[in-house]
Amino acid sequence: MIPDPTIVFDTYWRFAAERYRIYEKRLRGKPQPWTADPILSEYKFTNVFRACDRVSQYLIREVIYNPNASTDAEEVVFRILLFKLFNSIPAWEVLTAKFGIPAWKGFNERAYANELGQARGNGVKIWNPAYMQKPQYREDLPAKHERYLALLKYMMDDRVGQKLVAAKSYRQAYGILRGYPLYGDFLAMQHLTDINYSEVIDFGEDDFIVPGPGCYEGMEKCFGFRPTPEQARIILEDFVTNQDDHLKDVGEQPIRLQGKRKLHAIDCQNLFCEVGKYAREAHPEFNLKRTEIKQKLKPAGPLPPPFFPAKWGLK
């Protein structure tokens, strides 16, 4: 049983439905305006389905399932972690231009560091600020990107890929990542989700979830109080299980990716983050510490055809 909601609860579902309609219109090549909602027209919000976001699409298509890349589990994990520690398409392209598809076999930490350092000096954005963390590891190394690469080498030397393959549950796999330096609750959950896109592991996506700070902000606005981790888990479980009923209650149809894939726990978690931001403008009476939405919408042209893991059974 979830707590009594505020008006932001209904906004959550209306936002999800409208944001997905925008995605579908863009995918079909429809011109702007894609919505009559002034907030969605002005500000940038991530997709309803996490895997549809630009960086996630690049990860799935070019990093995980690149047909020229090794399918060895250890190599796949190496590529995912290398990409996600920087979470930067430009950084990945700098490395592939110099070394080809990055591989653990023959990995040269110093050469990679030199290449990224040079790119950074030339103005290349080698980090995406979305998941940027202070790398509290190997602080004897002067540059942050060097510490990230040193951490990656440590994890691979520690056979992180083999440990993930041997994990008996999504929770246990999460614990493996959570045990490494730099990995807090949020980052471990995000990177585990990315690894679960691959064929290395295949755990039920709703079996386990750890909400991030933005999710808690959204939940507090939806229910009028900050939930405990256990309450947050129950709320997310309800949203996944009863999503069609909640959408129906606000006059919306079920949301399905390509007409098939429902919202999963990671999507509902991310939606709380986005609705927390949306509510800063739509429901300012619920504002907490942050009162503004920073990123403006700057569409970069039509969306390319989407690419999803084959195991999802989508086109």
C-alpha atoms as a PDB file:
ATOM      1  CA  MET A   1       0.000   0.000   0.000  1.00  0.00           C
ATOM      2  CA  ILE A   2       1.538   3.283  -1.064  1.00  0.00           C
ATOM      3  CA  PRO A   3       0.999   6.521   0.895  1.00  0.00           C
ATOM      4  CA  ASP A   4      -1.641   9.121   0.015  1.00  0.00           C
ATOM      5  CA  PRO A   5      -0.278  11.173  -2.880  1.00  0.00           C
ATOM      6  CA  THR A   6      -0.069  14.857  -3.662  1.00  0.00           C
ATOM      7  CA  ILE A   7      -1.032  16.503  -6.946  1.00  0.00           C
ATOM      8  CA  VAL A   8       2.493  15.761  -8.222  1.00  0.00           C
ATOM      9  CA  PHE A   9       1.584  12.046  -8.259  1.00  0.00           C
ATOM     10  CA  ASP A  10      -0.886  12.656 -11.108  1.00  0.00           C
ATOM     11  CA  THR A  11       1.650  14.915 -12.796  1.00  0.00           C
ATOM     12  CA  TYR A  12       4.141  12.016 -12.753  1.00  0.00           C
ATOM     13  CA  TRP A  13       1.899   9.920 -14.977  1.00  0.00           C
ATOM     14  CA  ARG A  14       0.769  12.744 -17.240  1.00  0.00           C
ATOM     15  CA  PHE A  15       4.400  13.778 -17.671  1.00  0.00           C
ATOM     16  CA  ALA A  16       5.407  10.194 -18.527  1.00  0.00           C
ATOM     17  CA  ALA A  17       2.680   9.882 -21.162  1.00  0.00           C
ATOM     18  CA  GLU A  18       3.392  13.249 -22.786  1.00  0.00           C
ATOM     19  CA  ARG A  19       7.176  12.814 -22.717  1.00  0.00           C
ATOM     20  CA  TYR A  20       6.796   9.448 -24.463  1.00  0.00           C
ATOM     21  CA  ARG A  21       4.517  10.987 -27.099  1.00  0.00           C
ATOM     22  CA  ILE A  22       7.253  13.541 -27.790  1.00  0.00           C
ATOM     23  CA  TYR A  23       9.764  10.713 -28.273  1.00  0.00           C
ATOM     24  CA  GLU A  24       7.483   8.924 -30.721  1.00  0.00           C
ATOM     25  CA  LYS A  25       6.875  12.107 -32.735  1.00  0.00           C
ATOM     26  CA  ARG A  26      10.599  12.798 -32.963  1.00  0.00           C
ATOM     27  CA  LEU A  27      11.249   9.202 -33.992  1.00  0.00           C
ATOM     28  CA  ARG A  28       8.742   9.596 -36.836  1.00  0.00           C
ATOM     29  CA  GLY A  29      10.502  12.770 -37.954  1.00  0.00           C
ATOM     30  CA  LYS A  30       7.653  15.098 -37.051  1.00  0.00           C
ATOM     31  CA  PRO A  31       8.610  18.805 -36.956  1.00  0.00           C
ATOM     32  CA  GLN A  32       8.279  20.972 -33.876  1.00  0.00           C
ATOM     33  CA  PRO A  33       6.237  21.761 -31.909  1.00  0.00           C
ATOM     34  CA  TRP A  34       6.020  18.269 -30.443  1.00  0.00           C
ATOM     35  CA  THR A  35       3.913  19.291 -27.460  1.00  0.00           C
ATOM     36  CA  ALA A  36       1.690  22.073 -26.162  1.00  0.00           C
ATOM     37  CA  ASP A  37       3.260  21.716 -22.713  1.00  0.00           C
ATOM     38  CA  PRO A  38       5.332  24.887 -22.194  1.00  0.00           C
ATOM     39  CA  ILE A  39       7.719  23.247 -19.712  1.00  0.00           C
ATOM     40  CA  LEU A  40       8.459  20.260 -21.938  1.00  0.00           C
ATOM     41  CA  SER A  41       8.872  22.671 -24.858  1.00  0.00           C
ATOM     42  CA  GLU A  42      11.472  24.781 -23.070  1.00  0.00           C
ATOM     43  CA  TYR A  43      13.495  22.391 -20.920  1.00  0.00           C
ATOM     44  CA  LYS A  44      15.422  19.180 -21.481  1.00  0.00           C
ATOM     45  CA  PHE A  45      14.169  15.972 -19.864  1.00  0.00           C
ATOM     46  CA  THR A  46      15.453  12.449 -20.342  1.00  0.00           C
ATOM     47  CA  ASN A  47      13.358   9.856 -22.140  1.00  0.00           C
ATOM     48  CA  VAL A  48      10.727   7.842 -20.318  1.00  0.00           C
ATOM     49  CA  PHE A  49      12.651   4.681 -21.185  1.00  0.00           C
ATOM     50  CA  ARG A  50      16.251   5.028 -20.026  1.00  0.00           C
ATOM     51  CA  ALA A  51      17.562   2.932 -22.922  1.00  0.00           C
ATOM     52  CA  CYS A  52      16.207   5.478 -25.420  1.00  0.00           C
ATOM     53  CA  ASP A  53      18.458   8.293 -24.231  1.00  0.00           C
ATOM     54  CA  ARG A  54      21.211   9.367 -26.609  1.00  0.00           C
ATOM     55  CA  VAL A  55      24.154   8.155 -24.522  1.00  0.00           C
ATOM     56  CA  SER A  56      22.444   4.855 -23.664  1.00  0.00           C
ATOM     57  CA  GLN A  57      21.686   4.295 -27.338  1.00  0.00           C
ATOM     58  CA  TYR A  58      25.325   4.891 -28.216  1.00  0.00           C
ATOM     59  CA  LEU A  59      26.431   2.517 -25.467  1.00  0.00           C
ATOM     60  CA  ILE A  60      24.121  -0.256 -26.644  1.00  0.00           C
ATOM     61  CA  ARG A  61      24.831   0.128 -30.351  1.00  0.00           C
ATOM     62  CA  GLU A  62      28.494   1.113 -30.526  1.00  0.00           C
ATOM     63  CA  VAL A  63      30.022  -0.170 -27.288  1.00  0.00           C
ATOM     64  CA  ILE A  64      28.150  -3.332 -26.304  1.00  0.00           C
ATOM     65  CA  TYR A  65      26.849  -4.707 -29.600  1.00  0.00           C
ATOM     66  CA  ASN A  66      29.311  -3.300 -32.110  1.00  0.00           C
ATOM     67  CA  PRO A  67      29.603  -6.183 -34.617  1.00  0.00           C
ATOM     68  CA  ASN A  68      33.362  -5.688 -34.833  1.00  0.00           C
ATOM     69  CA  ALA A  69      33.897  -5.926 -31.071  1.00  0.00           C
ATOM     70  CA  SER A  70      34.707  -9.034 -29.033  1.00  0.00           C
ATOM     71  CA  THR A  71      31.768 -10.820 -27.434  1.00  0.00           C
ATOM     72  CA  ASP A  72      33.955 -12.278 -24.688  1.00  0.00           C
ATOM     73  CA  ALA A  73      32.329 -11.424 -21.362  1.00  0.00           C
ATOM     74  CA  GLU A  74      35.485  -9.915 -19.907  1.00  0.00           C
ATOM     75  CA  GLU A  75      35.947  -7.683 -22.938  1.00  0.00           C
ATOM     76  CA  VAL A  76      32.297  -6.574 -22.919  1.00  0.00           C
ATOM     77  CA  VAL A  77      32.508  -5.605 -19.243  1.00  0.00           C
ATOM     78  CA  PHE A  78      35.754  -3.732 -19.897  1.00  0.00           C
ATOM     79  CA  ARG A  79      34.183  -1.712 -22.715  1.00  0.00           C
ATOM     80  CA  ILE A  80      31.070  -0.875 -20.702  1.00  0.00           C
ATOM     81  CA  LEU A  81      33.019   0.240 -17.646  1.00  0.00           C
ATOM     82  CA  LEU A  82      35.491   2.251 -19.714  1.00  0.00           C
ATOM     83  CA  PHE A  83      32.668   4.024 -21.505  1.00  0.00           C
ATOM     84  CA  LYS A  84      30.519   4.601 -18.425  1.00  0.00           C
ATOM     85  CA  LEU A  85      33.272   5.847 -16.122  1.00  0.00           C
ATOM     86  CA  PHE A  86      33.565   8.816 -18.494  1.00  0.00           C
ATOM     87  CA  ASN A  87      30.008   8.558 -19.880  1.00  0.00           C
ATOM     88  CA  SER A  88      31.246  10.588 -22.831  1.00  0.00           C
ATOM     89  CA  ILE A  89      30.770   9.817 -26.504  1.00  0.00           C
ATOM     90  CA  PRO A  90      33.635  12.184 -27.471  1.00  0.00           C
ATOM     91  CA  ALA A  91      36.011  10.387 -25.080  1.00  0.00           C
ATOM     92  CA  TRP A  92      35.109   7.014 -26.597  1.00  0.00           C
ATOM     93  CA  GLU A  93      35.597   8.344 -30.108  1.00  0.00           C
ATOM     94  CA  VAL A  94      38.998   9.767 -29.180  1.00  0.00           C
ATOM     95  CA  LEU A  95      40.099   6.339 -27.968  1.00  0.00           C
ATOM     96  CA  THR A  96      38.672   4.391 -30.913  1.00  0.00           C
ATOM     97  CA  ALA A  97      40.271   6.789 -33.390  1.00  0.00           C
ATOM     98  CA  LYS A  98      43.669   6.085 -31.852  1.00  0.00           C
ATOM     99  CA  PHE A  99      43.457   2.456 -30.726  1.00  0.00           C
ATOM    100  CA  GLY A 100      40.509   0.933 -32.567  1.00  0.00           C
ATOM    101  CA  ILE A 101      37.775  -0.622 -30.448  1.00  0.00           C
ATOM    102  CA  PRO A 102      39.144  -0.508 -26.875  1.00  0.00           C
ATOM    103  CA  ALA A 103      40.005  -3.937 -25.501  1.00  0.00           C
ATOM    104  CA  TRP A 104      41.218  -5.274 -22.159  1.00  0.00           C
ATOM    105  CA  LYS A 105      43.620  -7.548 -23.967  1.00  0.00           C
ATOM    106  CA  GLY A 106      46.558  -5.277 -24.653  1.00  0.00           C
ATOM    107  CA  PHE A 107      45.118  -2.382 -22.622  1.00  0.00           C
ATOM    108  CA  ASN A 108      47.792   0.297 -22.116  1.00  0.00           C
ATOM    109  CA  GLU A 109      46.747   2.504 -19.229  1.00  0.00           C
ATOM    110  CA  ARG A 110      49.430   5.122 -19.856  1.00  0.00           C
ATOM    111  CA  ALA A 111      48.722   5.377 -23.578  1.00  0.00           C
ATOM    112  CA  TYR A 112      44.984   5.803 -22.958  1.00  0.00           C
ATOM    113  CA  ALA A 113      45.695   8.442 -20.310  1.00  0.00           C
ATOM    114  CA  ASN A 114      47.988  10.362 -22.624  1.00  0.00           C
ATOM    115  CA  GLU A 115      45.438  10.332 -25.431  1.00  0.00           C
ATOM    116  CA  LEU A 116      42.577  11.506 -23.214  1.00  0.00           C
ATOM    117  CA  GLY A 117      44.780  14.144 -21.584  1.00  0.00           C
ATOM    118  CA  GLN A 118      45.733  15.521 -24.962  1.00  0.00           C
ATOM    119  CA  ALA A 119      42.091  15.532 -26.082  1.00  0.00           C
ATOM    120  CA  ARG A 120      41.057  17.352 -22.945  1.00  0.00           C
ATOM    121  CA  GLY A 121      43.777  19.929 -23.575  1.00  0.00           C
ATOM    122  CA  ASN A 122      42.302  20.440 -27.050  1.00  0.00           C
ATOM    123  CA  GLY A 123      38.877  21.169 -25.601  1.00  0.00           C
ATOM    124  CA  VAL A 124      37.246  17.741 -25.984  1.00  0.00           C
ATOM    125  CA  LYS A 125      34.634  17.060 -23.289  1.00  0.00           C
ATOM    126  CA  ILE A 126      35.926  13.752 -21.982  1.00  0.00           C
ATOM    127  CA  TRP A 127      33.379  13.648 -19.134  1.00  0.00           C
ATOM    128  CA  ASN A 128      29.621  13.819 -19.137  1.00  0.00           C
ATOM    129  CA  PRO A 129      28.532  15.785 -16.050  1.00  0.00           C
ATOM    130  CA  ALA A 130      25.466  13.579 -15.535  1.00  0.00           C
ATOM    131  CA  TYR A 131      27.256  10.907 -13.474  1.00  0.00           C
ATOM    132  CA  MET A 132      30.524  12.679 -12.765  1.00  0.00           C
ATOM    133  CA  GLN A 133      32.124  11.512  -9.524  1.00  0.00           C
ATOM    134  CA  LYS A 134      35.199  12.580  -7.616  1.00  0.00           C
ATOM    135  CA  PRO A 135      37.588   9.663  -8.199  1.00  0.00           C
ATOM    136  CA  GLN A 136      38.793   9.004  -4.648  1.00  0.00           C
ATOM    137  CA  TYR A 137      41.214   6.369  -5.817  1.00  0.00           C
ATOM    138  CA  ARG A 138      44.922   6.582  -6.619  1.00  0.00           C
ATOM    139  CA  GLU A 139      45.034  10.209  -5.532  1.00  0.00           C
ATOM    140  CA  ASP A 140      48.752  10.116  -6.153  1.00  0.00           C
ATOM    141  CA  LEU A 141      47.886  10.452  -9.839  1.00  0.00           C
ATOM    142  CA  PRO A 142      47.565  14.105 -10.823  1.00  0.00           C
ATOM    143  CA  ALA A 143      44.667  13.959 -13.301  1.00  0.00           C
ATOM    144  CA  LYS A 144      41.141  12.708 -12.805  1.00  0.00           C
ATOM    145  CA  HIS A 145      41.065  10.751 -16.039  1.00  0.00           C
ATOM    146  CA  GLU A 146      44.238   8.933 -14.943  1.00  0.00           C
ATOM    147  CA  ARG A 147      42.503   7.878 -11.718  1.00  0.00           C
ATOM    148  CA  TYR A 148      39.486   6.589 -13.640  1.00  0.00           C
ATOM    149  CA  LEU A 149      41.735   4.467 -15.844  1.00  0.00           C
ATOM    150  CA  ALA A 150      43.676   3.193 -12.830  1.00  0.00           C
ATOM    151  CA  LEU A 151      40.406   2.191 -11.180  1.00  0.00           C
ATOM    152  CA  LEU A 152      39.299   0.388 -14.325  1.00  0.00           C
ATOM    153  CA  LYS A 153      42.576  -1.561 -14.417  1.00  0.00           C
ATOM    154  CA  TYR A 154      42.182  -2.471 -10.751  1.00  0.00           C
ATOM    155  CA  MET A 155      38.654  -3.743 -11.324  1.00  0.00           C
ATOM    156  CA  MET A 156      39.667  -5.793 -14.333  1.00  0.00           C
ATOM    157  CA  ASP A 157      42.703  -7.221 -12.533  1.00  0.00           C
ATOM    158  CA  ASP A 158      40.288  -8.134  -9.746  1.00  0.00           C
ATOM    159  CA  ARG A 159      38.247 -10.112 -12.304  1.00  0.00           C
ATOM    160  CA  VAL A 160      35.110  -8.035 -11.943  1.00  0.00           C
ATOM    161  CA  GLY A 161      33.661  -9.557 -15.114  1.00  0.00           C
ATOM    162  CA  GLN A 162      34.017 -13.110 -13.823  1.00  0.00           C
ATOM    163  CA  LYS A 163      32.480 -12.114 -10.510  1.00  0.00           C
ATOM    164  CA  LEU A 164      29.468 -10.585 -12.223  1.00  0.00           C
ATOM    165  CA  VAL A 165      28.980 -13.672 -14.393  1.00  0.00           C
ATOM    166  CA  ALA A 166      29.077 -15.844 -11.259  1.00  0.00           C
ATOM    167  CA  ALA A 167      26.576 -13.653  -9.352  1.00  0.00           C
ATOM    168  CA  LYS A 168      23.394 -15.502  -8.367  1.00  0.00           C
ATOM    169  CA  SER A 169      21.116 -12.445  -8.256  1.00  0.00           C
ATOM    170  CA  TYR A 170      20.810  -8.849  -9.381  1.00  0.00           C
ATOM    171  CA  ARG A 171      21.323  -7.778  -5.767  1.00  0.00           C
ATOM    172  CA  GLN A 172      24.520  -9.818  -5.502  1.00  0.00           C
ATOM    173  CA  ALA A 173      25.815  -8.344  -8.770  1.00  0.00           C
ATOM    174  CA  TYR A 174      25.063  -4.882  -7.409  1.00  0.00           C
ATOM    175  CA  GLY A 175      27.063  -5.685  -4.280  1.00  0.00           C
ATOM    176  CA  ILE A 176      30.070  -6.596  -6.417  1.00  0.00           C
ATOM    177  CA  LEU A 177      30.161  -3.178  -8.083  1.00  0.00           C
ATOM    178  CA  ARG A 178      29.262  -1.371  -4.866  1.00  0.00           C
ATOM    179  CA  GLY A 179      32.375  -2.798  -3.231  1.00  0.00           C
ATOM    180  CA  TYR A 180      34.792  -0.950  -5.513  1.00  0.00           C
ATOM    181  CA  PRO A 181      36.230   2.526  -4.864  1.00  0.00           C
ATOM    182  CA  LEU A 182      34.187   5.417  -6.281  1.00  0.00           C
ATOM    183  CA  TYR A 183      31.041   3.298  -6.491  1.00  0.00           C
ATOM    184  CA  GLY A 184      28.289   4.705  -4.304  1.00  0.00           C
ATOM    185  CA  ASP A 185      24.717   3.443  -4.287  1.00  0.00           C
ATOM    186  CA  PHE A 186      23.623   5.439  -7.313  1.00  0.00           C
ATOM    187  CA  LEU A 187      26.594   4.819  -9.618  1.00  0.00           C
ATOM    188  CA  ALA A 188      26.665   1.087  -8.862  1.00  0.00           C
ATOM    189  CA  MET A 189      22.982   0.773  -9.813  1.00  0.00           C
ATOM    190  CA  GLN A 190      23.430   2.764 -13.013  1.00  0.00           C
ATOM    191  CA  HIS A 191      26.477   0.832 -14.209  1.00  0.00           C
ATOM    192  CA  LEU A 192      24.861  -2.489 -13.309  1.00  0.00           C
ATOM    193  CA  THR A 193      21.858  -1.519 -15.432  1.00  0.00           C
ATOM    194  CA  ASP A 194      24.213  -0.865 -18.341  1.00  0.00           C
ATOM    195  CA  ILE A 195      25.957  -4.223 -17.920  1.00  0.00           C
ATOM    196  CA  ASN A 196      22.548  -5.901 -17.778  1.00  0.00           C
ATOM    197  CA  TYR A 197      21.867  -4.534 -21.278  1.00  0.00           C
ATOM    198  CA  SER A 198      24.567  -6.934 -22.477  1.00  0.00           C
ATOM    199  CA  GLU A 199      24.636 -10.707 -22.745  1.00  0.00           C
ATOM    200  CA  VAL A 200      27.106 -10.937 -19.843  1.00  0.00           C
ATOM    201  CA  ILE A 201      24.307 -11.044 -17.273  1.00  0.00           C
ATOM    202  CA  ASP A 202      20.545 -11.297 -17.697  1.00  0.00           C
ATOM    203  CA  PHE A 203      18.793 -10.598 -14.419  1.00  0.00           C
ATOM    204  CA  GLY A 204      15.158  -9.578 -14.089  1.00  0.00           C
ATOM    205  CA  GLU A 205      15.166  -5.793 -14.274  1.00  0.00           C
ATOM    206  CA  ASP A 206      12.526  -5.435 -11.572  1.00  0.00           C
ATOM    207  CA  ASP A 207      14.212  -7.822  -9.137  1.00  0.00           C
ATOM    208  CA  PHE A 208      16.270  -5.101  -7.486  1.00  0.00           C
ATOM    209  CA  ILE A 209      16.577  -1.304  -7.595  1.00  0.00           C
ATOM    210  CA  VAL A 210      18.423   1.346  -5.589  1.00  0.00           C
ATOM    211  CA  PRO A 211      16.861   4.819  -5.904  1.00  0.00           C
ATOM    212  CA  GLY A 212      19.172   7.767  -6.469  1.00  0.00           C
ATOM    213  CA  PRO A 213      19.042  11.223  -4.833  1.00  0.00           C
ATOM    214  CA  GLY A 214      16.917  12.714  -7.618  1.00  0.00           C
ATOM    215  CA  CYS A 215      14.417   9.890  -7.259  1.00  0.00           C
ATOM    216  CA  TYR A 216      13.968  10.708  -3.583  1.00  0.00           C
ATOM    217  CA  GLU A 217      13.335  14.356  -4.473  1.00  0.00           C
ATOM    218  CA  GLY A 218      10.585  13.295  -6.860  1.00  0.00           C
ATOM    219  CA  MET A 219       9.063  10.899  -4.343  1.00  0.00           C
ATOM    220  CA  GLU A 220       9.016  13.577  -1.654  1.00  0.00           C
ATOM    221  CA  LYS A 221       7.059  15.838  -3.991  1.00  0.00           C
ATOM    222  CA  CYS A 222       4.687  13.032  -5.011  1.00  0.00           C
ATOM    223  CA  PHE A 223       3.892  11.967  -1.438  1.00  0.00           C
ATOM    224  CA  GLY A 224       4.694  14.927   0.790  1.00  0.00           C
ATOM    225  CA  PHE A 225       7.458  13.240   2.774  1.00  0.00           C
ATOM    226  CA  ARG A 226      10.859  11.691   2.172  1.00  0.00           C
ATOM    227  CA  PRO A 227      10.451   7.900   2.138  1.00  0.00           C
ATOM    228  CA  THR A 228      12.811   5.453   3.753  1.00  0.00           C
ATOM    229  CA  PRO A 229      14.729   3.119   1.408  1.00  0.00           C
ATOM    230  CA  GLU A 230      12.193   0.367   2.143  1.00  0.00           C
ATOM    231  CA  GLN A 231       9.260   2.691   1.445  1.00  0.00           C
ATOM    232  CA  ALA A 232      10.949   3.820  -1.766  1.00  0.00           C
ATOM    233  CA  ARG A 233      11.295   0.192  -2.846  1.00  0.00           C
ATOM    234  CA  ILE A 234       7.590  -0.427  -2.189  1.00  0.00           C
ATOM    235  CA  ILE A 235       6.628   2.693  -4.146  1.00  0.00           C
ATOM    236  CA  LEU A 236       8.726   1.667  -7.146  1.00  0.00           C
ATOM    237  CA  GLU A 237       7.320  -1.849  -7.013  1.00  0.00           C
ATOM    238  CA  ASP A 238       3.794  -0.408  -7.047  1.00  0.00           C
ATOM    239  CA  PHE A 239       4.590   1.903  -9.954  1.00  0.00           C
ATOM    240  CA  VAL A 240       5.949  -0.982 -12.025  1.00  0.00           C
ATOM    241  CA  THR A 241       3.124  -3.376 -11.158  1.00  0.00           C
ATOM    242  CA  ASN A 242       0.208  -0.941 -11.377  1.00  0.00           C
ATOM    243  CA  GLN A 243       1.466   1.486 -14.010  1.00  0.00           C
ATOM    244  CA  ASP A 244      -1.443   0.888 -16.396  1.00  0.00           C
ATOM    245  CA  ASP A 245      -4.006   1.578 -13.648  1.00  0.00           C
ATOM    246  CA  HIS A 246      -2.213   4.751 -12.560  1.00  0.00           C
ATOM    247  CA  LEU A 247      -2.134   5.967 -16.158  1.00  0.00           C
ATOM    248  CA  LYS A 248      -5.796   5.122 -16.642  1.00  0.00           C
ATOM    249  CA  ASP A 249      -6.693   7.107 -13.510  1.00  0.00           C
ATOM    250  CA  VAL A 250      -5.317  10.284 -15.126  1.00  0.00           C
ATOM    251  CA  GLY A 251      -6.900   9.558 -18.503  1.00  0.00           C
ATOM    252  CA  GLU A 252      -3.829   8.123 -20.225  1.00  0.00           C
ATOM    253  CA  GLN A 253      -3.205   4.911 -22.153  1.00  0.00           C
ATOM    254  CA  PRO A 254      -0.540   2.334 -21.182  1.00  0.00           C
ATOM    255  CA  ILE A 255       3.004   3.274 -22.170  1.00  0.00           C
ATOM    256  CA  ARG A 256       4.808   0.591 -24.170  1.00  0.00           C
ATOM    257  CA  LEU A 257       8.102   0.896 -26.000  1.00  0.00           C
ATOM    258  CA  GLN A 258       7.399  -0.239 -29.573  1.00  0.00           C
ATOM    259  CA  GLY A 259       4.032  -1.380 -28.274  1.00  0.00           C
ATOM    260  CA  LYS A 260       5.653  -4.146 -26.187  1.00  0.00           C
ATOM    261  CA  ARG A 261       8.024  -3.153 -23.413  1.00  0.00           C
ATOM    262  CA  LYS A 262       6.520  -1.744 -20.214  1.00  0.00           C
ATOM    263  CA  LEU A 263       8.174   0.663 -17.816  1.00  0.00           C
ATOM    264  CA  HIS A 264      10.656  -1.145 -15.596  1.00  0.00           C
ATOM    265  CA  ALA A 265      12.005  -0.193 -12.190  1.00  0.00           C
ATOM    266  CA  ILE A 266      14.966   1.777 -13.575  1.00  0.00           C
ATOM    267  CA  ASP A 267      12.587   3.751 -15.824  1.00  0.00           C
ATOM    268  CA  CYS A 268      10.209   4.564 -12.974  1.00  0.00           C
ATOM    269  CA  GLN A 269      13.195   5.525 -10.819  1.00  0.00           C
ATOM    270  CA  ASN A 270      14.458   7.893 -13.512  1.00  0.00           C
ATOM    271  CA  LEU A 271      10.975   9.312 -14.034  1.00  0.00           C
ATOM    272  CA  PHE A 272      10.879  10.369 -10.383  1.00  0.00           C
ATOM    273  CA  CYS A 273      14.098  12.325 -11.032  1.00  0.00           C
ATOM    274  CA  GLU A 274      12.601  14.030 -14.072  1.00  0.00           C
ATOM    275  CA  VAL A 275       9.261  14.802 -12.427  1.00  0.00           C
ATOM    276  CA  GLY A 276      11.137  16.243  -9.480  1.00  0.00           C
ATOM    277  CA  LYS A 277      12.695  18.677 -11.957  1.00  0.00           C
ATOM    278  CA  TYR A 278       9.463  19.269 -13.875  1.00  0.00           C
ATOM    279  CA  ALA A 279       7.636  20.110 -10.643  1.00  0.00           C
ATOM    280  CA  ARG A 280      10.058  22.979  -9.960  1.00  0.00           C
ATOM    281  CA  GLU A 281       8.154  24.850 -12.657  1.00  0.00           C
ATOM    282  CA  ALA A 282       4.782  23.085 -12.623  1.00  0.00           C
ATOM    283  CA  HIS A 283       4.340  22.908  -8.829  1.00  0.00           C
ATOM    284  CA  PRO A 284       6.730  25.411  -7.211  1.00  0.00           C
ATOM    285  CA  GLU A 285       4.851  25.096  -3.913  1.00  0.00           C
ATOM    286  CA  PHE A 286       6.572  21.712  -3.525  1.00  0.00           C
ATOM    287  CA  ASN A 287      10.077  23.028  -4.186  1.00  0.00           C
ATOM    288  CA  LEU A 288      12.851  21.814  -1.920  1.00  0.00           C
ATOM    289  CA  LYS A 289      16.438  23.086  -2.190  1.00  0.00           C
ATOM    290  CA  ARG A 290      16.544  23.331  -5.979  1.00  0.00           C
ATOM    291  CA  THR A 291      14.083  25.679  -7.651  1.00  0.00           C
ATOM    292  CA  GLU A 292      15.283  25.948 -11.256  1.00  0.00           C
ATOM    293  CA  ILE A 293      15.666  23.602 -14.230  1.00  0.00           C
ATOM    294  CA  LYS A 294      19.117  24.205 -15.650  1.00  0.00           C
ATOM    295  CA  GLN A 295      19.154  22.540 -19.057  1.00  0.00           C
ATOM    296  CA  LYS A 296      17.187  24.048 -21.927  1.00  0.00           C
ATOM    297  CA  LEU A 297      15.892  21.903 -24.774  1.00  0.00           C
ATOM    298  CA  LYS A 298      18.251  22.033 -27.754  1.00  0.00           C
ATOM    299  CA  PRO A 299      17.195  19.306 -30.219  1.00  0.00           C
ATOM    300  CA  ALA A 300      20.061  18.021 -32.355  1.00  0.00           C
ATOM    301  CA  GLY A 301      18.044  16.997 -35.398  1.00  0.00           C
ATOM    302  CA  PRO A 302      15.961  13.871 -36.079  1.00  0.00           C
ATOM    303  CA  LEU A 303      16.481  10.787 -33.963  1.00  0.00           C
ATOM    304  CA  PRO A 304      18.265   7.831 -35.574  1.00  0.00           C
ATOM    305  CA  PRO A 305      16.472   4.465 -35.631  1.00  0.00           C
ATOM    306  CA  PRO A 306      16.661   2.989 -32.132  1.00  0.00           C
ATOM    307  CA  PHE A 307      18.752  -0.044 -31.276  1.00  0.00           C
ATOM    308  CA  PHE A 308      17.904  -2.320 -28.364  1.00  0.00           C
ATOM    309  CA  PRO A 309      19.307  -5.574 -26.913  1.00  0.00           C
ATOM    310  CA  ALA A 310      18.060  -8.543 -28.916  1.00  0.00           C
ATOM    311  CA  LYS A 311      16.966 -10.261 -25.711  1.00  0.00           C
ATOM    312  CA  TRP A 312      14.217  -7.644 -25.320  1.00  0.00           C
ATOM    313  CA  GLY A 313      12.472  -8.869 -28.452  1.00  0.00           C
ATOM    314  CA  LEU A 314      12.059  -5.384 -29.970  1.00  0.00           C
ATOM    315  CA  LYS A 315      12.853  -4.184 -33.482  1.00  0.00           C
END
